[in-house]
Protein backbone atom coordinates (compact mmCIF):
# COMPACT_ATOMS: atom_id res chain seq x y z
CA MET A 1 157.46 -10.50 172.57
CA ARG A 2 156.97 -8.13 169.64
CA ARG A 3 156.89 -4.45 170.61
CA ILE A 4 154.19 -2.46 168.81
CA GLU A 5 155.34 1.09 168.15
CA ARG A 6 152.28 2.25 166.24
CA GLU A 7 148.58 1.59 166.11
CA ASN A 8 147.51 -0.29 163.00
CA THR A 9 144.50 1.60 161.77
CA GLY A 10 144.48 0.73 158.08
CA ILE A 11 144.57 -2.29 155.82
CA ILE A 12 147.59 -3.96 154.30
CA ARG A 13 147.31 -7.21 152.37
CA PRO A 14 149.39 -9.12 149.84
CA GLY A 15 148.98 -7.87 146.29
CA GLN A 16 148.58 -4.23 147.23
CA ASP A 17 150.84 -1.60 145.72
CA LEU A 18 153.47 0.30 147.70
CA VAL A 19 153.39 3.99 146.81
CA VAL A 20 155.81 6.72 147.86
CA ALA A 21 154.66 10.34 147.98
CA GLY A 22 157.32 13.06 148.06
CA TYR A 23 161.07 12.51 147.87
CA ALA A 24 163.29 10.24 149.95
CA GLY A 25 166.03 12.03 151.88
CA LEU A 26 165.02 15.56 150.95
CA SER A 27 164.57 16.81 154.53
CA GLY A 28 167.98 15.46 155.49
CA THR A 29 169.50 17.05 152.39
CA ILE A 30 168.10 20.43 153.43
CA GLU A 31 169.36 20.05 157.01
CA ILE A 32 172.85 19.05 155.89
CA ALA A 33 172.99 21.87 153.32
CA ASN A 34 172.05 24.32 156.06
CA TYR A 35 174.58 22.86 158.52
CA LYS A 36 177.45 22.56 156.02
CA LYS A 37 176.60 25.59 153.86
CA GLU A 38 180.08 27.13 153.91
CA GLU A 39 181.86 23.83 153.34
CA LEU A 40 179.56 22.96 150.43
CA LYS A 41 180.61 26.16 148.65
CA GLN A 42 183.90 24.37 147.83
CA TRP A 43 181.98 22.06 145.50
CA PHE A 44 178.67 23.74 144.64
CA SER A 45 177.64 27.23 143.56
CA ASN A 46 175.78 29.55 145.95
CA ASP A 47 172.73 29.34 143.65
CA TYR A 48 172.73 25.56 143.83
CA ILE A 49 172.95 25.57 147.64
CA GLU A 50 170.18 28.17 147.88
CA ARG A 51 168.02 26.07 145.55
CA ILE A 52 168.44 23.13 147.96
CA LEU A 53 167.51 25.29 150.94
CA GLU A 54 164.42 26.67 149.17
CA GLN A 55 163.07 23.11 148.91
CA GLU A 56 162.07 23.27 152.58
CA SER A 57 159.13 25.54 151.81
CA LYS A 58 158.06 23.18 149.01
CA GLU A 59 157.89 19.95 151.03
CA PRO A 60 154.34 18.60 150.90
CA THR A 61 151.89 18.28 153.73
CA TYR A 62 149.29 15.57 153.46
CA ASP A 63 145.54 15.47 153.88
CA TYR A 64 145.06 11.93 155.14
CA ASP A 65 141.31 11.99 154.57
CA ALA A 66 141.90 12.87 150.93
CA LEU A 67 144.53 10.12 150.58
CA LYS A 68 142.00 7.62 151.92
CA GLN A 69 139.36 8.85 149.45
CA TRP A 70 141.90 8.45 146.63
CA GLY A 71 142.47 4.79 147.55
CA ALA A 72 145.20 4.68 150.21
CA THR A 73 144.48 1.94 152.75
CA GLU A 74 147.39 2.69 155.11
CA TRP A 75 150.32 5.11 155.32
CA GLU A 76 153.38 5.91 157.34
CA LEU A 77 155.29 9.18 157.36
CA SER A 78 159.00 8.74 156.77
CA LEU A 79 161.14 10.50 159.36
CA GLU A 80 164.32 9.39 161.17
CA GLY A 81 166.13 6.65 159.31
CA GLY A 82 164.54 7.52 155.97
CA ILE A 83 162.36 5.52 153.61
CA PHE A 84 164.17 2.25 154.40
CA LYS A 85 163.15 2.52 158.05
CA THR A 86 159.60 3.40 157.02
CA LEU A 87 159.40 0.33 154.77
CA TRP A 88 160.75 -1.80 157.61
CA ASP A 89 158.36 -0.34 160.20
CA LEU A 90 155.19 -0.53 158.12
CA SER A 91 155.78 -4.11 156.96
CA GLY A 92 156.75 -5.10 160.50
CA ALA A 93 153.69 -3.51 162.06
CA TYR A 94 151.46 -5.67 159.87
CA MET A 95 153.80 -8.70 159.81
CA THR A 96 153.72 -8.83 156.03
CA GLY A 97 156.32 -9.02 153.32
CA ILE A 98 157.24 -6.40 150.76
CA ARG A 99 159.12 -6.33 147.50
CA PHE A 100 160.21 -2.97 146.14
CA TYR A 101 162.38 -1.59 143.38
CA LEU A 102 165.15 0.67 144.63
CA ARG A 103 165.35 2.72 141.44
CA ARG A 104 161.65 3.58 141.58
CA ILE A 105 161.93 5.43 144.90
CA PRO A 106 161.76 9.17 144.15
CA VAL A 107 165.01 10.94 145.06
CA LYS A 108 166.01 14.44 143.93
CA GLN A 109 169.32 14.92 142.14
CA GLU A 110 170.41 17.35 144.86
CA THR A 111 170.05 14.56 147.44
CA ILE A 112 172.11 12.17 145.29
CA GLU A 113 174.90 14.72 144.85
CA LEU A 114 175.05 15.69 148.52
CA CYS A 115 174.99 12.02 149.58
CA GLU A 116 177.82 11.22 147.18
CA ARG A 117 179.84 14.11 148.62
CA TYR A 118 179.49 12.80 152.20
CA ASP A 119 179.21 9.06 151.44
CA LEU A 120 175.63 8.79 152.74
CA ASN A 121 172.77 6.49 151.81
CA PRO A 122 169.87 8.67 150.58
CA TYR A 123 167.35 5.96 151.51
CA ARG A 124 168.46 6.08 155.16
CA LEU A 125 168.32 9.88 155.33
CA PHE A 126 165.70 11.95 157.20
CA SER A 127 162.63 12.26 154.98
CA LYS A 128 159.82 14.13 156.78
CA GLY A 129 158.13 15.16 153.51
CA CYS A 130 158.03 11.57 152.27
CA LEU A 131 155.08 9.24 152.84
CA LEU A 132 154.78 5.49 152.25
CA LEU A 133 151.28 4.31 151.33
CA THR A 134 149.53 1.09 150.43
CA ALA A 135 146.68 0.90 147.92
CA ASP A 136 144.73 -1.71 146.02
CA ASN A 137 145.38 0.30 142.86
CA GLY A 138 148.57 2.36 143.11
CA ALA A 139 148.14 3.84 139.63
CA ASP A 140 144.77 5.36 140.57
CA LEU A 141 146.19 6.72 143.83
CA LEU A 142 149.18 8.14 141.96
CA GLU A 143 146.91 9.84 139.41
CA ALA A 144 144.85 11.50 142.17
CA MET A 145 148.03 12.62 143.94
CA LYS A 146 149.41 14.07 140.68
CA GLU A 147 146.16 15.97 140.07
CA ASN A 148 146.65 17.52 143.50
CA GLY A 149 150.29 18.48 143.04
CA ILE A 150 151.86 15.58 144.96
CA HIS A 151 154.80 13.82 143.31
CA GLY A 152 154.97 10.08 143.82
CA ALA A 153 155.72 6.64 142.43
CA VAL A 154 154.57 3.05 142.75
CA ILE A 155 157.67 1.30 144.07
CA GLY A 156 156.56 -2.27 144.70
CA LYS A 157 154.07 -4.66 146.26
CA VAL A 158 152.97 -6.07 149.58
CA THR A 159 153.75 -9.81 149.55
CA LYS A 160 152.92 -12.95 151.50
CA GLY A 161 155.29 -13.96 154.26
CA ILE A 162 157.58 -11.58 156.10
CA GLY A 163 160.47 -11.07 153.66
CA ARG A 164 161.51 -7.51 152.88
CA ILE A 165 163.03 -7.79 149.41
CA ILE A 166 164.85 -5.04 147.52
CA ASP A 167 165.22 -5.36 143.77
CA HIS A 168 168.39 -3.46 142.84
CA GLY A 169 167.98 -3.93 139.11
CA GLU A 170 170.99 -6.26 138.82
CA GLY A 171 169.72 -8.59 141.54
CA VAL A 172 167.74 -8.81 144.75
CA GLY A 173 168.59 -8.63 148.41
CA TYR A 174 166.95 -8.19 151.77
CA LEU A 175 166.28 -4.92 153.54
CA ASP A 176 168.56 -4.60 156.57
CA ARG A 177 167.35 -3.55 160.00
CA PRO A 178 167.10 0.21 160.41
CA THR A 179 170.24 2.02 161.51
CA LYS A 180 170.98 5.50 162.81
CA ASP A 181 169.87 8.27 160.46
CA GLU A 182 172.57 9.12 157.92
CA ARG A 183 172.51 12.85 158.64
CA TYR A 184 174.21 12.27 161.98
CA LYS A 185 177.35 11.12 160.17
CA VAL A 186 177.72 14.71 158.98
CA MET A 187 176.04 16.74 161.71
CA GLU A 188 177.66 15.33 164.86
């Protein structure tokens, strides 16, 4: 028996665009920078670390009514397990496939550098300011978000079937089941 962990209140259908608002892994980056602040000073300047920590006050909050008016048909906030878990959960909740392009997912350079330092996957890192949306026209949704100060990107499509396909640029693969959030590798 399939366990439903969320109420499906929107619409997801093959052909729709997958849109990400915000940045994958940013919340986890901030938490790790706070937790490992002194250790990070071995590799990064104080200014750089402070710039990471200041990002917390800049993480977006979302007006879901506005997102719906702009064309979003469903959305899921990315939290524990990062954007990969969110992609898995949303496609699983609607029993639909997805195909997305890894390099299109918005990730800040600070997240990349911190993840490289601790050998973490930024796409499996806590992302509370990141939102996954579906829309019939992702470009229109993206334009409305941009006009309202929300960074985002169209990362892929909803597909027929139940496959969760990642396009890495050099090839394709399947999205693995969600695992423990990456930040616990550093913060435990």
